[in-house]
Structures are given as structure tokens and as C-alpha cells.
Amino acid sequence: MKVIDLIQMLSDLDPELEVLIAIDGEGNGFNKLEVIDTNMSYDPEEGNRIESIKLRELSPDNEEGYSPEDVAHEGWEPCVILWP
């Protein structure tokens, strides 16, 4: 799903609705959406089940302590991660 698709799906909803995230594909539990991370990339060769994500770039202050090995390789796709 692309961001534009998500925006269109949410645009007609009550903006006061709580956003929840399923903890698995079977709906065995749900968490509230807390954070949206926009500095991530994924390897499109992994298909629909993404196991590896990496940073798009290191932040200038790099307070999180990431290293260059944590940055995505060429060919990785930018993405948005929704975290509970």
C-alpha cells in the first residue's frame, strides 16, 4: 500500500478515531499506533514478508548510535513504519 492509498482510505473517517495496529495477520491482538517512522527502507526482494529494514540515512546527531551498516543498500525501497 502506498501513502496516497492510506490517505484516501482515511480521509473520510472521523479524525478523532483511535488508530490500532493488529499484532499479527490473524487479529490475535491489537496495539494503539504510537509512532510513525519515515526514515526506513526495505529490501523489495523479500516479497510480502519483510524481515529486514534499514535506515534511509544516519541522522546528523546520530543519538541512537546507529552505524553505516544500519543504512539501506542501493536498490532498497523507502517506506514508512507504523509502530505500536
N, C-alpha and C. Protein backbone atom coordinates (compact mmCIF):
# COMPACT_ATOMS: atom_id res chain seq x y z
N MET A 1 0.85 -1.17 0.00
CA MET A 1 0.00 0.00 0.00
C MET A 1 0.90 1.23 0.00
N LYS A 2 0.54 2.20 -0.77
CA LYS A 2 1.26 3.47 -0.84
C LYS A 2 0.61 4.47 0.12
N VAL A 3 1.36 5.49 0.51
CA VAL A 3 0.85 6.53 1.42
C VAL A 3 -0.42 7.16 0.85
N ILE A 4 -0.44 7.43 -0.46
CA ILE A 4 -1.62 8.06 -1.07
C ILE A 4 -2.86 7.18 -0.89
N ASP A 5 -2.69 5.86 -0.97
CA ASP A 5 -3.81 4.93 -0.77
C ASP A 5 -4.31 5.02 0.67
N LEU A 6 -3.40 5.07 1.62
CA LEU A 6 -3.77 5.18 3.03
C LEU A 6 -4.48 6.50 3.29
N ILE A 7 -3.96 7.59 2.75
CA ILE A 7 -4.59 8.90 2.91
C ILE A 7 -6.02 8.87 2.38
N GLN A 8 -6.21 8.30 1.20
CA GLN A 8 -7.55 8.23 0.62
C GLN A 8 -8.49 7.40 1.48
N MET A 9 -8.00 6.29 2.01
CA MET A 9 -8.84 5.44 2.84
C MET A 9 -9.23 6.13 4.14
N LEU A 10 -8.32 6.94 4.70
CA LEU A 10 -8.58 7.60 5.98
C LEU A 10 -9.29 8.95 5.85
N SER A 11 -9.29 9.52 4.67
CA SER A 11 -9.75 10.90 4.50
C SER A 11 -11.22 11.13 4.86
N ASP A 12 -12.06 10.13 4.73
CA ASP A 12 -13.49 10.30 5.03
C ASP A 12 -13.86 9.88 6.45
N LEU A 13 -12.88 9.43 7.22
CA LEU A 13 -13.16 8.96 8.58
C LEU A 13 -13.15 10.10 9.58
N ASP A 14 -13.79 9.86 10.70
CA ASP A 14 -13.78 10.80 11.81
C ASP A 14 -12.33 10.96 12.28
N PRO A 15 -11.78 12.17 12.28
CA PRO A 15 -10.38 12.35 12.67
C PRO A 15 -10.11 12.07 14.14
N GLU A 16 -11.16 11.88 14.93
CA GLU A 16 -10.98 11.57 16.36
C GLU A 16 -10.93 10.08 16.64
N LEU A 17 -11.06 9.23 15.60
CA LEU A 17 -10.98 7.78 15.80
C LEU A 17 -9.57 7.38 16.22
N GLU A 18 -9.48 6.42 17.13
CA GLU A 18 -8.18 5.86 17.54
C GLU A 18 -7.68 4.93 16.45
N VAL A 19 -6.38 4.91 16.19
CA VAL A 19 -5.77 4.02 15.20
C VAL A 19 -5.09 2.88 15.94
N LEU A 20 -5.48 1.65 15.59
CA LEU A 20 -4.91 0.44 16.19
C LEU A 20 -4.15 -0.34 15.13
N ILE A 21 -3.20 -1.14 15.57
CA ILE A 21 -2.41 -1.99 14.69
C ILE A 21 -2.58 -3.43 15.16
N ALA A 22 -2.92 -4.33 14.23
CA ALA A 22 -3.01 -5.75 14.57
C ALA A 22 -1.61 -6.28 14.86
N ILE A 23 -1.49 -7.13 15.89
CA ILE A 23 -0.18 -7.67 16.23
C ILE A 23 0.22 -8.82 15.31
N ASP A 24 -0.74 -9.39 14.59
CA ASP A 24 -0.44 -10.43 13.61
C ASP A 24 -1.55 -10.47 12.57
N GLY A 25 -1.34 -11.27 11.55
CA GLY A 25 -2.29 -11.37 10.44
C GLY A 25 -3.62 -12.01 10.81
N GLU A 26 -3.68 -12.69 11.94
CA GLU A 26 -4.91 -13.35 12.35
C GLU A 26 -5.77 -12.50 13.27
N GLY A 27 -5.29 -11.33 13.67
CA GLY A 27 -6.06 -10.47 14.56
C GLY A 27 -6.11 -10.99 15.99
N ASN A 28 -5.02 -11.59 16.47
CA ASN A 28 -4.97 -12.13 17.82
C ASN A 28 -4.74 -11.08 18.89
N GLY A 29 -4.62 -9.84 18.50
CA GLY A 29 -4.44 -8.76 19.44
C GLY A 29 -4.19 -7.47 18.68
N PHE A 30 -4.30 -6.36 19.38
CA PHE A 30 -4.17 -5.05 18.76
C PHE A 30 -3.43 -4.10 19.70
N ASN A 31 -2.67 -3.17 19.13
CA ASN A 31 -1.99 -2.12 19.86
C ASN A 31 -2.37 -0.78 19.28
N LYS A 32 -2.29 0.27 20.10
CA LYS A 32 -2.52 1.62 19.61
C LYS A 32 -1.30 2.06 18.81
N LEU A 33 -1.54 2.78 17.72
CA LEU A 33 -0.46 3.37 16.95
C LEU A 33 0.17 4.48 17.77
N GLU A 34 1.49 4.43 17.94
CA GLU A 34 2.18 5.43 18.75
C GLU A 34 3.18 6.25 17.95
N VAL A 35 3.86 5.63 16.96
CA VAL A 35 4.95 6.30 16.26
C VAL A 35 4.88 5.97 14.78
N ILE A 36 5.21 6.94 13.94
CA ILE A 36 5.38 6.72 12.51
C ILE A 36 6.82 7.06 12.19
N ASP A 37 7.57 6.07 11.68
CA ASP A 37 8.99 6.25 11.35
C ASP A 37 9.12 6.39 9.84
N THR A 38 9.63 7.52 9.40
CA THR A 38 9.72 7.81 7.96
C THR A 38 11.14 7.71 7.41
N ASN A 39 12.10 7.25 8.21
CA ASN A 39 13.49 7.15 7.78
C ASN A 39 13.89 5.70 7.56
N MET A 40 13.02 4.89 7.00
CA MET A 40 13.30 3.47 6.85
C MET A 40 13.24 3.03 5.39
N SER A 41 13.89 1.91 5.11
CA SER A 41 13.89 1.27 3.79
C SER A 41 13.76 -0.23 3.99
N TYR A 42 13.30 -0.90 2.93
CA TYR A 42 13.19 -2.36 2.97
C TYR A 42 13.75 -2.94 1.67
N ASP A 43 14.10 -4.21 1.72
CA ASP A 43 14.62 -4.90 0.55
C ASP A 43 13.43 -5.48 -0.22
N PRO A 44 13.11 -4.94 -1.41
CA PRO A 44 11.94 -5.42 -2.14
C PRO A 44 12.06 -6.87 -2.60
N GLU A 45 13.25 -7.42 -2.58
CA GLU A 45 13.44 -8.81 -2.99
C GLU A 45 12.87 -9.79 -1.97
N GLU A 46 12.53 -9.29 -0.77
CA GLU A 46 11.99 -10.18 0.26
C GLU A 46 10.53 -10.54 0.02
N GLY A 47 9.86 -9.87 -0.90
CA GLY A 47 8.45 -10.16 -1.17
C GLY A 47 7.54 -9.50 -0.16
N ASN A 48 6.40 -10.16 0.16
CA ASN A 48 5.41 -9.59 1.06
C ASN A 48 5.77 -9.71 2.53
N ARG A 49 6.60 -10.67 2.88
CA ARG A 49 7.01 -10.87 4.28
C ARG A 49 8.37 -10.23 4.48
N ILE A 50 8.38 -8.98 4.93
CA ILE A 50 9.62 -8.23 5.09
C ILE A 50 10.25 -8.55 6.44
N GLU A 51 11.47 -9.03 6.42
CA GLU A 51 12.19 -9.38 7.64
C GLU A 51 13.25 -8.35 7.98
N SER A 52 13.75 -7.62 6.99
CA SER A 52 14.87 -6.70 7.20
C SER A 52 14.47 -5.28 6.83
N ILE A 53 14.71 -4.36 7.74
CA ILE A 53 14.55 -2.95 7.45
C ILE A 53 15.83 -2.24 7.86
N LYS A 54 16.13 -1.16 7.16
CA LYS A 54 17.32 -0.37 7.48
C LYS A 54 16.97 1.10 7.36
N LEU A 55 17.83 1.93 7.92
CA LEU A 55 17.66 3.37 7.84
C LEU A 55 17.87 3.86 6.41
N ARG A 56 17.18 4.92 6.02
CA ARG A 56 17.48 5.56 4.75
C ARG A 56 18.81 6.29 4.86
N GLU A 57 19.03 6.96 6.00
CA GLU A 57 20.26 7.69 6.23
C GLU A 57 20.47 7.87 7.72
N LEU A 58 21.72 8.07 8.12
CA LEU A 58 22.02 8.37 9.51
C LEU A 58 21.65 9.82 9.80
N SER A 59 21.10 10.07 10.97
CA SER A 59 20.80 11.44 11.36
C SER A 59 22.11 12.15 11.68
N PRO A 60 22.16 13.47 11.47
CA PRO A 60 23.41 14.21 11.73
C PRO A 60 23.94 14.03 13.16
N ASP A 61 23.03 14.01 14.15
CA ASP A 61 23.50 13.84 15.53
C ASP A 61 23.65 12.37 15.92
N ASN A 62 22.97 11.47 15.22
CA ASN A 62 23.05 10.03 15.43
C ASN A 62 23.02 9.66 16.91
N GLU A 63 22.12 10.25 17.65
CA GLU A 63 22.00 9.96 19.09
C GLU A 63 21.60 8.52 19.36
N GLU A 64 21.02 7.86 18.38
CA GLU A 64 20.59 6.47 18.57
C GLU A 64 21.76 5.49 18.50
N GLY A 65 22.92 5.93 18.01
CA GLY A 65 24.09 5.08 17.96
C GLY A 65 24.14 4.13 16.78
N TYR A 66 23.43 4.43 15.70
CA TYR A 66 23.47 3.57 14.51
C TYR A 66 24.82 3.70 13.82
N SER A 67 25.17 2.69 13.03
CA SER A 67 26.41 2.69 12.27
C SER A 67 26.08 2.67 10.77
N PRO A 68 27.07 2.86 9.91
CA PRO A 68 26.82 2.80 8.47
C PRO A 68 26.22 1.46 8.02
N GLU A 69 26.48 0.38 8.77
CA GLU A 69 25.90 -0.92 8.42
C GLU A 69 24.39 -0.94 8.60
N ASP A 70 23.85 0.03 9.35
CA ASP A 70 22.41 0.11 9.58
C ASP A 70 21.68 0.88 8.49
N VAL A 71 22.43 1.39 7.51
CA VAL A 71 21.84 2.18 6.42
C VAL A 71 21.56 1.26 5.24
N ALA A 72 20.43 1.48 4.57
CA ALA A 72 19.99 0.64 3.45
C ALA A 72 20.99 0.67 2.30
N HIS A 73 21.06 -0.44 1.60
CA HIS A 73 21.90 -0.59 0.42
C HIS A 73 21.18 -0.03 -0.81
N GLU A 74 21.91 0.17 -1.87
CA GLU A 74 21.31 0.60 -3.13
C GLU A 74 20.28 -0.44 -3.57
N GLY A 75 19.17 0.04 -4.07
CA GLY A 75 18.10 -0.86 -4.51
C GLY A 75 17.03 -1.10 -3.47
N TRP A 76 17.27 -0.69 -2.24
CA TRP A 76 16.24 -0.82 -1.21
C TRP A 76 15.20 0.27 -1.42
N GLU A 77 13.96 0.01 -1.04
CA GLU A 77 12.84 0.93 -1.24
C GLU A 77 12.54 1.72 0.03
N PRO A 78 12.33 3.04 -0.08
CA PRO A 78 11.90 3.81 1.10
C PRO A 78 10.52 3.33 1.56
N CYS A 79 10.29 3.42 2.86
CA CYS A 79 8.99 3.01 3.40
C CYS A 79 8.69 3.78 4.68
N VAL A 80 7.47 3.64 5.14
CA VAL A 80 7.02 4.21 6.40
C VAL A 80 6.68 3.04 7.32
N ILE A 81 7.15 3.08 8.55
CA ILE A 81 6.86 2.03 9.53
C ILE A 81 5.93 2.60 10.59
N LEU A 82 4.85 1.88 10.86
CA LEU A 82 3.90 2.26 11.92
C LEU A 82 4.20 1.38 13.12
N TRP A 83 4.48 2.01 14.26
CA TRP A 83 4.89 1.26 15.47
C TRP A 83 3.84 1.40 16.57
N PRO A 84 3.55 0.28 17.26
CA PRO A 84 2.66 0.36 18.42
C PRO A 84 3.39 0.97 19.61
